Amino acid sequence: MLRNPKETALVLVLLLVGVTSGMDLFTDLSHGASFSHVFKEGLIVVLALILVVWILSEQRQQLAQIQNLKAELLQSEQQKTKANTYVLTARKQLSEVITKQFDEWSLSSSEKEVGWLLLKGFSLKEISVIRETHEKTVRQQASAIYKKSGLSGRHAFSAWFIEDLL
């Protein structure tokens, strides 16, 4: 379930702290340790376990978000097949124009992928989830797209392709 190695390591360390502190707590209780000592160790056990549950919960939410975004993309792709022939022809032609323009701007394959997702209306955070990369990476790729295209930003980028359609 944990895909991030740092989070996996953190969960393992927290579990180790919780288990070893718990074992020490039982040993201290059997030897008649003071209440304050037992309370402090009990607090460490509880906090470690709460953090583990919290991290696992966050991971579960992120996984659900990724699945939802992928389902939205799939649904979007499936809706394309429901469109009329003339709409499909227009979409194909627009797609070819966009692809050609991306090539003329010399976008890398990653930048092209980000460009398509930007044109589909996804946020930078959503794109990072879909592409399973850091949001900072997507932000840098989007900036590279704007720089290579000579456009000022996301709105100008989208408008460049649809401005004369309306």
N, C-alpha and C. Protein backbone atom coordinates (compact mmCIF):
# COMPACT_ATOMS: atom_id res chain seq x y z
N MET A 1 0.82 -1.19 0.00
CA MET A 1 0.00 0.00 0.00
C MET A 1 0.86 1.26 0.00
N LEU A 2 1.97 1.25 0.75
CA LEU A 2 2.85 2.42 0.76
C LEU A 2 3.75 2.38 -0.45
N ARG A 3 3.70 3.45 -1.26
CA ARG A 3 4.50 3.47 -2.47
C ARG A 3 5.70 4.38 -2.31
N ASN A 4 5.67 5.23 -1.33
CA ASN A 4 6.77 6.16 -1.11
C ASN A 4 7.76 5.52 -0.14
N PRO A 5 9.02 5.33 -0.55
CA PRO A 5 9.99 4.65 0.33
C PRO A 5 10.24 5.41 1.63
N LYS A 6 10.17 6.74 1.58
CA LYS A 6 10.37 7.52 2.81
C LYS A 6 9.24 7.27 3.80
N GLU A 7 8.02 7.23 3.30
CA GLU A 7 6.89 6.96 4.18
C GLU A 7 6.92 5.54 4.71
N THR A 8 7.35 4.60 3.88
CA THR A 8 7.48 3.21 4.33
C THR A 8 8.50 3.12 5.46
N ALA A 9 9.64 3.77 5.29
CA ALA A 9 10.67 3.77 6.33
C ALA A 9 10.15 4.42 7.61
N LEU A 10 9.44 5.53 7.46
CA LEU A 10 8.89 6.22 8.63
C LEU A 10 7.89 5.35 9.37
N VAL A 11 7.00 4.67 8.64
CA VAL A 11 6.03 3.78 9.27
C VAL A 11 6.75 2.64 10.00
N LEU A 12 7.76 2.07 9.38
CA LEU A 12 8.50 0.98 10.03
C LEU A 12 9.19 1.45 11.31
N VAL A 13 9.81 2.64 11.25
CA VAL A 13 10.47 3.18 12.44
C VAL A 13 9.45 3.45 13.54
N LEU A 14 8.32 4.04 13.16
CA LEU A 14 7.29 4.33 14.17
C LEU A 14 6.73 3.05 14.77
N LEU A 15 6.54 2.02 13.95
CA LEU A 15 6.08 0.74 14.48
C LEU A 15 7.12 0.14 15.42
N LEU A 16 8.39 0.24 15.05
CA LEU A 16 9.47 -0.26 15.92
C LEU A 16 9.47 0.49 17.25
N VAL A 17 9.33 1.82 17.18
CA VAL A 17 9.28 2.62 18.41
C VAL A 17 8.08 2.22 19.25
N GLY A 18 6.93 2.07 18.61
CA GLY A 18 5.71 1.70 19.34
C GLY A 18 5.81 0.33 19.99
N VAL A 19 6.32 -0.65 19.25
CA VAL A 19 6.41 -2.01 19.78
C VAL A 19 7.44 -2.09 20.89
N THR A 20 8.64 -1.53 20.66
CA THR A 20 9.68 -1.62 21.69
C THR A 20 9.31 -0.82 22.93
N SER A 21 8.70 0.34 22.74
CA SER A 21 8.26 1.14 23.90
C SER A 21 7.14 0.42 24.63
N GLY A 22 6.26 -0.25 23.88
CA GLY A 22 5.19 -1.02 24.51
C GLY A 22 5.73 -2.17 25.33
N MET A 23 6.72 -2.87 24.79
CA MET A 23 7.34 -3.97 25.54
C MET A 23 8.03 -3.44 26.79
N ASP A 24 8.72 -2.30 26.66
CA ASP A 24 9.39 -1.69 27.81
C ASP A 24 8.37 -1.24 28.85
N LEU A 25 7.24 -0.75 28.37
CA LEU A 25 6.18 -0.31 29.27
C LEU A 25 5.68 -1.46 30.13
N PHE A 26 5.44 -2.63 29.51
CA PHE A 26 4.99 -3.79 30.28
C PHE A 26 6.05 -4.25 31.27
N THR A 27 7.31 -4.17 30.86
CA THR A 27 8.40 -4.54 31.78
C THR A 27 8.44 -3.58 32.95
N ASP A 28 8.32 -2.28 32.67
CA ASP A 28 8.34 -1.28 33.74
C ASP A 28 7.15 -1.46 34.68
N LEU A 29 5.98 -1.79 34.14
CA LEU A 29 4.80 -2.01 34.98
C LEU A 29 5.02 -3.20 35.92
N SER A 30 5.64 -4.26 35.41
CA SER A 30 5.87 -5.44 36.25
C SER A 30 6.92 -5.19 37.33
N HIS A 31 7.78 -4.17 37.11
CA HIS A 31 8.81 -3.84 38.09
C HIS A 31 8.41 -2.67 38.98
N GLY A 32 7.18 -2.20 38.84
CA GLY A 32 6.67 -1.15 39.71
C GLY A 32 7.23 0.24 39.42
N ALA A 33 7.38 0.59 38.17
CA ALA A 33 7.90 1.92 37.81
C ALA A 33 6.91 3.00 38.22
N SER A 34 7.42 4.21 38.35
CA SER A 34 6.58 5.33 38.78
C SER A 34 5.53 5.65 37.73
N PHE A 35 4.45 6.28 38.19
CA PHE A 35 3.35 6.64 37.30
C PHE A 35 3.82 7.57 36.19
N SER A 36 4.64 8.56 36.51
CA SER A 36 5.08 9.52 35.49
C SER A 36 5.90 8.82 34.40
N HIS A 37 6.74 7.86 34.78
CA HIS A 37 7.53 7.13 33.80
C HIS A 37 6.63 6.28 32.89
N VAL A 38 5.69 5.58 33.51
CA VAL A 38 4.75 4.74 32.75
C VAL A 38 3.90 5.62 31.83
N PHE A 39 3.48 6.77 32.32
CA PHE A 39 2.67 7.69 31.51
C PHE A 39 3.45 8.18 30.29
N LYS A 40 4.70 8.56 30.50
CA LYS A 40 5.52 9.05 29.39
C LYS A 40 5.73 7.98 28.33
N GLU A 41 6.03 6.77 28.75
CA GLU A 41 6.23 5.69 27.79
C GLU A 41 4.92 5.31 27.10
N GLY A 42 3.84 5.34 27.84
CA GLY A 42 2.53 5.07 27.24
C GLY A 42 2.18 6.12 26.20
N LEU A 43 2.53 7.36 26.48
CA LEU A 43 2.30 8.45 25.54
C LEU A 43 3.10 8.24 24.25
N ILE A 44 4.33 7.80 24.39
CA ILE A 44 5.17 7.52 23.22
C ILE A 44 4.53 6.42 22.36
N VAL A 45 4.05 5.36 23.00
CA VAL A 45 3.42 4.25 22.28
C VAL A 45 2.18 4.75 21.53
N VAL A 46 1.34 5.49 22.22
CA VAL A 46 0.10 5.99 21.62
C VAL A 46 0.40 6.94 20.46
N LEU A 47 1.34 7.87 20.65
CA LEU A 47 1.67 8.82 19.58
C LEU A 47 2.26 8.12 18.36
N ALA A 48 3.12 7.14 18.59
CA ALA A 48 3.71 6.41 17.47
C ALA A 48 2.63 5.68 16.68
N LEU A 49 1.70 5.05 17.37
CA LEU A 49 0.64 4.33 16.68
C LEU A 49 -0.34 5.27 15.98
N ILE A 50 -0.62 6.41 16.59
CA ILE A 50 -1.48 7.42 15.95
C ILE A 50 -0.84 7.91 14.65
N LEU A 51 0.46 8.16 14.69
CA LEU A 51 1.15 8.61 13.47
C LEU A 51 1.13 7.54 12.38
N VAL A 52 1.28 6.29 12.75
CA VAL A 52 1.21 5.20 11.77
C VAL A 52 -0.17 5.16 11.12
N VAL A 53 -1.20 5.23 11.95
CA VAL A 53 -2.58 5.22 11.42
C VAL A 53 -2.81 6.43 10.53
N TRP A 54 -2.32 7.58 10.93
CA TRP A 54 -2.50 8.81 10.15
C TRP A 54 -1.82 8.69 8.78
N ILE A 55 -0.58 8.21 8.75
CA ILE A 55 0.15 8.06 7.48
C ILE A 55 -0.57 7.06 6.58
N LEU A 56 -1.00 5.94 7.13
CA LEU A 56 -1.71 4.94 6.33
C LEU A 56 -3.03 5.49 5.80
N SER A 57 -3.70 6.28 6.61
CA SER A 57 -4.96 6.90 6.18
C SER A 57 -4.73 7.88 5.04
N GLU A 58 -3.68 8.70 5.15
CA GLU A 58 -3.34 9.65 4.08
C GLU A 58 -3.02 8.90 2.79
N GLN A 59 -2.28 7.81 2.91
CA GLN A 59 -1.94 7.01 1.73
C GLN A 59 -3.19 6.43 1.09
N ARG A 60 -4.11 5.99 1.90
CA ARG A 60 -5.36 5.43 1.38
C ARG A 60 -6.16 6.51 0.64
N GLN A 61 -6.20 7.71 1.19
CA GLN A 61 -6.90 8.82 0.54
C GLN A 61 -6.23 9.19 -0.78
N GLN A 62 -4.91 9.21 -0.81
CA GLN A 62 -4.19 9.52 -2.04
C GLN A 62 -4.44 8.45 -3.10
N LEU A 63 -4.45 7.20 -2.69
CA LEU A 63 -4.72 6.11 -3.62
C LEU A 63 -6.13 6.24 -4.19
N ALA A 64 -7.09 6.58 -3.35
CA ALA A 64 -8.47 6.77 -3.82
C ALA A 64 -8.54 7.93 -4.80
N GLN A 65 -7.80 9.01 -4.52
CA GLN A 65 -7.78 10.16 -5.42
C GLN A 65 -7.18 9.78 -6.77
N ILE A 66 -6.11 9.01 -6.75
CA ILE A 66 -5.49 8.55 -7.99
C ILE A 66 -6.47 7.70 -8.79
N GLN A 67 -7.14 6.79 -8.11
CA GLN A 67 -8.10 5.93 -8.80
C GLN A 67 -9.25 6.75 -9.38
N ASN A 68 -9.72 7.75 -8.65
CA ASN A 68 -10.80 8.61 -9.15
C ASN A 68 -10.36 9.38 -10.39
N LEU A 69 -9.16 9.93 -10.36
CA LEU A 69 -8.67 10.68 -11.51
C LEU A 69 -8.50 9.78 -12.73
N LYS A 70 -7.98 8.59 -12.50
CA LYS A 70 -7.82 7.65 -13.61
C LYS A 70 -9.18 7.24 -14.17
N ALA A 71 -10.15 7.07 -13.28
CA ALA A 71 -11.51 6.72 -13.73
C ALA A 71 -12.11 7.87 -14.54
N GLU A 72 -11.86 9.11 -14.11
CA GLU A 72 -12.35 10.27 -14.87
C GLU A 72 -11.73 10.31 -16.25
N LEU A 73 -10.43 10.03 -16.34
CA LEU A 73 -9.76 10.00 -17.64
C LEU A 73 -10.36 8.90 -18.53
N LEU A 74 -10.59 7.73 -17.96
CA LEU A 74 -11.16 6.63 -18.72
C LEU A 74 -12.56 6.99 -19.20
N GLN A 75 -13.34 7.59 -18.31
CA GLN A 75 -14.70 8.01 -18.67
C GLN A 75 -14.65 9.05 -19.79
N SER A 76 -13.72 9.96 -19.71
CA SER A 76 -13.55 10.96 -20.76
C SER A 76 -13.22 10.30 -22.09
N GLU A 77 -12.34 9.32 -22.06
CA GLU A 77 -11.98 8.60 -23.28
C GLU A 77 -13.18 7.84 -23.83
N GLN A 78 -13.99 7.26 -22.95
CA GLN A 78 -15.15 6.50 -23.40
C GLN A 78 -16.22 7.42 -23.99
N GLN A 79 -16.33 8.63 -23.47
CA GLN A 79 -17.31 9.58 -23.98
C GLN A 79 -16.95 10.03 -25.39
N LYS A 80 -15.68 9.99 -25.73
CA LYS A 80 -15.27 10.36 -27.07
C LYS A 80 -15.92 9.46 -28.11
N THR A 81 -16.08 8.19 -27.76
CA THR A 81 -16.64 7.24 -28.73
C THR A 81 -18.14 7.46 -28.93
N LYS A 82 -18.80 8.17 -28.02
CA LYS A 82 -20.23 8.41 -28.12
C LYS A 82 -20.56 9.61 -29.01
N ALA A 83 -19.57 10.40 -29.34
CA ALA A 83 -19.80 11.63 -30.09
C ALA A 83 -20.16 11.31 -31.55
N ASN A 84 -20.80 12.27 -32.18
CA ASN A 84 -21.14 12.14 -33.60
C ASN A 84 -19.88 12.10 -34.44
N THR A 85 -20.04 11.62 -35.66
CA THR A 85 -18.91 11.48 -36.58
C THR A 85 -18.22 12.81 -36.83
N TYR A 86 -19.00 13.88 -37.06
CA TYR A 86 -18.38 15.17 -37.35
C TYR A 86 -17.60 15.72 -36.15
N VAL A 87 -18.09 15.41 -34.95
CA VAL A 87 -17.37 15.84 -33.75
C VAL A 87 -16.07 15.05 -33.62
N LEU A 88 -16.15 13.76 -33.88
CA LEU A 88 -14.94 12.93 -33.80
C LEU A 88 -13.91 13.37 -34.84
N THR A 89 -14.38 13.72 -36.04
CA THR A 89 -13.47 14.20 -37.08
C THR A 89 -12.80 15.49 -36.65
N ALA A 90 -13.58 16.41 -36.09
CA ALA A 90 -13.04 17.69 -35.63
C ALA A 90 -12.04 17.48 -34.50
N ARG A 91 -12.37 16.60 -33.58
CA ARG A 91 -11.44 16.31 -32.47
C ARG A 91 -10.13 15.73 -33.00
N LYS A 92 -10.24 14.83 -33.97
CA LYS A 92 -9.04 14.21 -34.52
C LYS A 92 -8.18 15.28 -35.20
N GLN A 93 -8.81 16.16 -35.95
CA GLN A 93 -8.07 17.22 -36.64
C GLN A 93 -7.40 18.16 -35.63
N LEU A 94 -8.15 18.54 -34.58
CA LEU A 94 -7.58 19.40 -33.56
C LEU A 94 -6.42 18.70 -32.86
N SER A 95 -6.59 17.41 -32.59
CA SER A 95 -5.53 16.63 -31.95
C SER A 95 -4.27 16.62 -32.81
N GLU A 96 -4.45 16.48 -34.12
CA GLU A 96 -3.31 16.48 -35.03
C GLU A 96 -2.62 17.85 -35.05
N VAL A 97 -3.41 18.91 -35.01
CA VAL A 97 -2.86 20.27 -35.00
C VAL A 97 -2.07 20.49 -33.71
N ILE A 98 -2.64 20.07 -32.59
CA ILE A 98 -1.97 20.25 -31.30
C ILE A 98 -0.66 19.45 -31.28
N THR A 99 -0.72 18.21 -31.76
CA THR A 99 0.49 17.38 -31.79
C THR A 99 1.57 18.02 -32.65
N LYS A 100 1.17 18.53 -33.80
CA LYS A 100 2.12 19.19 -34.70
C LYS A 100 2.72 20.42 -34.03
N GLN A 101 1.88 21.19 -33.34
CA GLN A 101 2.37 22.39 -32.67
C GLN A 101 3.34 22.03 -31.54
N PHE A 102 3.00 20.99 -30.79
CA PHE A 102 3.90 20.53 -29.73
C PHE A 102 5.26 20.17 -30.32
N ASP A 103 5.25 19.52 -31.49
CA ASP A 103 6.50 19.15 -32.15
C ASP A 103 7.27 20.41 -32.59
N GLU A 104 6.55 21.39 -33.12
CA GLU A 104 7.20 22.64 -33.56
C GLU A 104 7.81 23.39 -32.38
N TRP A 105 7.18 23.28 -31.23
CA TRP A 105 7.73 23.93 -30.03
C TRP A 105 8.85 23.10 -29.42
N SER A 106 9.12 21.93 -29.95
CA SER A 106 10.15 21.02 -29.46
C SER A 106 9.92 20.60 -28.01
N LEU A 107 8.68 20.24 -27.71
CA LEU A 107 8.37 19.78 -26.36
C LEU A 107 8.86 18.34 -26.20
N SER A 108 9.38 18.05 -25.00
CA SER A 108 9.78 16.67 -24.70
C SER A 108 8.52 15.82 -24.55
N SER A 109 8.68 14.51 -24.49
CA SER A 109 7.51 13.64 -24.36
C SER A 109 6.77 13.92 -23.05
N SER A 110 7.52 14.18 -21.98
CA SER A 110 6.88 14.51 -20.69
C SER A 110 6.13 15.83 -20.78
N GLU A 111 6.73 16.81 -21.43
CA GLU A 111 6.08 18.11 -21.59
C GLU A 111 4.82 17.97 -22.44
N LYS A 112 4.86 17.12 -23.47
CA LYS A 112 3.67 16.89 -24.29
C LYS A 112 2.55 16.29 -23.46
N GLU A 113 2.90 15.32 -22.63
CA GLU A 113 1.89 14.69 -21.78
C GLU A 113 1.28 15.71 -20.83
N VAL A 114 2.13 16.52 -20.21
CA VAL A 114 1.63 17.57 -19.31
C VAL A 114 0.78 18.57 -20.09
N GLY A 115 1.23 18.92 -21.30
CA GLY A 115 0.47 19.86 -22.14
C GLY A 115 -0.92 19.35 -22.43
N TRP A 116 -1.04 18.07 -22.79
CA TRP A 116 -2.36 17.50 -23.05
C TRP A 116 -3.25 17.55 -21.81
N LEU A 117 -2.67 17.22 -20.66
CA LEU A 117 -3.47 17.23 -19.42
C LEU A 117 -3.86 18.65 -19.03
N LEU A 118 -2.99 19.62 -19.30
CA LEU A 118 -3.35 21.03 -19.07
C LEU A 118 -4.52 21.43 -19.96
N LEU A 119 -4.45 21.03 -21.22
CA LEU A 119 -5.53 21.37 -22.15
C LEU A 119 -6.84 20.69 -21.78
N LYS A 120 -6.75 19.55 -21.12
CA LYS A 120 -7.96 18.85 -20.66
C LYS A 120 -8.53 19.48 -19.40
N GLY A 121 -7.78 20.42 -18.81
CA GLY A 121 -8.31 21.16 -17.66
C GLY A 121 -7.89 20.66 -16.30
N PHE A 122 -6.94 19.74 -16.24
CA PHE A 122 -6.49 19.24 -14.95
C PHE A 122 -5.59 20.26 -14.27
N SER A 123 -5.67 20.30 -12.94
CA SER A 123 -4.78 21.18 -12.17
C SER A 123 -3.39 20.55 -12.12
N LEU A 124 -2.41 21.35 -11.70
CA LEU A 124 -1.04 20.83 -11.59
C LEU A 124 -0.98 19.69 -10.57
N LYS A 125 -1.72 19.83 -9.50
CA LYS A 125 -1.73 18.77 -8.48
C LYS A 125 -2.35 17.50 -9.05
N GLU A 126 -3.46 17.64 -9.79
CA GLU A 126 -4.08 16.46 -10.38
C GLU A 126 -3.16 15.81 -11.40
N ILE A 127 -2.46 16.62 -12.17
CA ILE A 127 -1.52 16.07 -13.15
C ILE A 127 -0.40 15.30 -12.44
N SER A 128 0.08 15.84 -11.32
CA SER A 128 1.14 15.13 -10.59
C SER A 128 0.64 13.80 -10.05
N VAL A 129 -0.62 13.74 -9.65
CA VAL A 129 -1.19 12.49 -9.16
C VAL A 129 -1.35 11.50 -10.31
N ILE A 130 -1.88 11.98 -11.44
CA ILE A 130 -2.07 11.11 -12.60
C ILE A 130 -0.74 10.55 -13.09
N ARG A 131 0.26 11.42 -13.15
CA ARG A 131 1.57 11.02 -13.69
C ARG A 131 2.46 10.38 -12.62
N GLU A 132 1.97 10.37 -11.39
CA GLU A 132 2.70 9.79 -10.26
C GLU A 132 4.09 10.43 -10.14
N THR A 133 4.09 11.76 -10.09
CA THR A 133 5.32 12.52 -9.94
C THR A 133 5.06 13.66 -8.97
N HIS A 134 6.08 14.42 -8.65
CA HIS A 134 5.93 15.53 -7.73
C HIS A 134 5.27 16.72 -8.43
N GLU A 135 4.50 17.46 -7.67
CA GLU A 135 3.83 18.65 -8.22
C GLU A 135 4.86 19.67 -8.71
N LYS A 136 5.99 19.75 -8.03
CA LYS A 136 7.05 20.68 -8.44
C LYS A 136 7.56 20.32 -9.83
N THR A 137 7.68 19.02 -10.11
CA THR A 137 8.14 18.57 -11.44
C THR A 137 7.15 19.00 -12.51
N VAL A 138 5.86 18.82 -12.23
CA VAL A 138 4.82 19.21 -13.19
C VAL A 138 4.85 20.73 -13.40
N ARG A 139 5.03 21.46 -12.31
CA ARG A 139 5.10 22.93 -12.40
C ARG A 139 6.28 23.35 -13.28
N GLN A 140 7.43 22.69 -13.13
CA GLN A 140 8.60 23.00 -13.95
C GLN A 140 8.35 22.65 -15.42
N GLN A 141 7.69 21.52 -15.65
CA GLN A 141 7.39 21.12 -17.03
C GLN A 141 6.40 22.10 -17.66
N ALA A 142 5.41 22.54 -16.91
CA ALA A 142 4.45 23.51 -17.43
C ALA A 142 5.17 24.82 -17.76
N SER A 143 6.07 25.25 -16.89
CA SER A 143 6.84 26.47 -17.16
C SER A 143 7.69 26.33 -18.42
N ALA A 144 8.26 25.14 -18.61
CA ALA A 144 9.05 24.90 -19.82
C ALA A 144 8.17 24.97 -21.07
N ILE A 145 6.95 24.45 -20.96
CA ILE A 145 6.00 24.52 -22.08
C ILE A 145 5.71 25.97 -22.42
N TYR A 146 5.42 26.77 -21.40
CA TYR A 146 5.08 28.19 -21.65
C TYR A 146 6.27 28.93 -22.24
N LYS A 147 7.46 28.62 -21.76
CA LYS A 147 8.65 29.28 -22.26
C LYS A 147 8.91 28.90 -23.72
N LYS A 148 8.85 27.59 -24.03
CA LYS A 148 9.11 27.13 -25.40
C LYS A 148 8.05 27.64 -26.37
N SER A 149 6.82 27.80 -25.89
CA SER A 149 5.74 28.24 -26.77
C SER A 149 5.69 29.77 -26.88
N GLY A 150 6.40 30.45 -25.98
CA GLY A 150 6.37 31.91 -25.99
C GLY A 150 5.06 32.47 -25.44
N LEU A 151 4.35 31.65 -24.67
CA LEU A 151 3.06 32.08 -24.10
C LEU A 151 3.25 32.42 -22.63
N SER A 152 2.35 33.25 -22.12
CA SER A 152 2.53 33.78 -20.77
C SER A 152 2.10 32.84 -19.66
N GLY A 153 1.28 31.86 -19.95
CA GLY A 153 0.84 30.96 -18.90
C GLY A 153 -0.24 30.01 -19.37
N ARG A 154 -0.89 29.40 -18.41
CA ARG A 154 -1.87 28.35 -18.68
C ARG A 154 -3.03 28.83 -19.55
N HIS A 155 -3.59 30.00 -19.22
CA HIS A 155 -4.74 30.50 -19.96
C HIS A 155 -4.36 30.84 -21.40
N ALA A 156 -3.22 31.47 -21.57
CA ALA A 156 -2.75 31.80 -22.92
C ALA A 156 -2.46 30.52 -23.70
N PHE A 157 -1.93 29.52 -23.02
CA PHE A 157 -1.63 28.23 -23.65
C PHE A 157 -2.92 27.59 -24.19
N SER A 158 -3.94 27.51 -23.35
CA SER A 158 -5.21 26.91 -23.78
C SER A 158 -5.87 27.75 -24.87
N ALA A 159 -5.85 29.07 -24.67
CA ALA A 159 -6.50 29.97 -25.63
C ALA A 159 -5.82 29.90 -26.99
N TRP A 160 -4.52 29.63 -27.04
CA TRP A 160 -3.79 29.57 -28.29
C TRP A 160 -4.43 28.57 -29.25
N PHE A 161 -4.95 27.46 -28.70
CA PHE A 161 -5.52 26.41 -29.53
C PHE A 161 -6.99 26.63 -29.85
N ILE A 162 -7.72 27.36 -29.00
CA ILE A 162 -9.18 27.47 -29.21
C ILE A 162 -9.65 28.91 -29.47
N GLU A 163 -8.77 29.87 -29.44
CA GLU A 163 -9.17 31.27 -29.53
C GLU A 163 -10.04 31.57 -30.76
N ASP A 164 -9.68 31.07 -31.91
CA ASP A 164 -10.42 31.40 -33.13
C ASP A 164 -11.58 30.45 -33.41
N LEU A 165 -11.82 29.50 -32.52
CA LEU A 165 -12.91 28.56 -32.72
C LEU A 165 -14.26 29.17 -32.38
N LEU A 166 -14.27 30.17 -31.52
CA LEU A 166 -15.53 30.73 -31.04
C LEU A 166 -15.92 31.98 -31.76
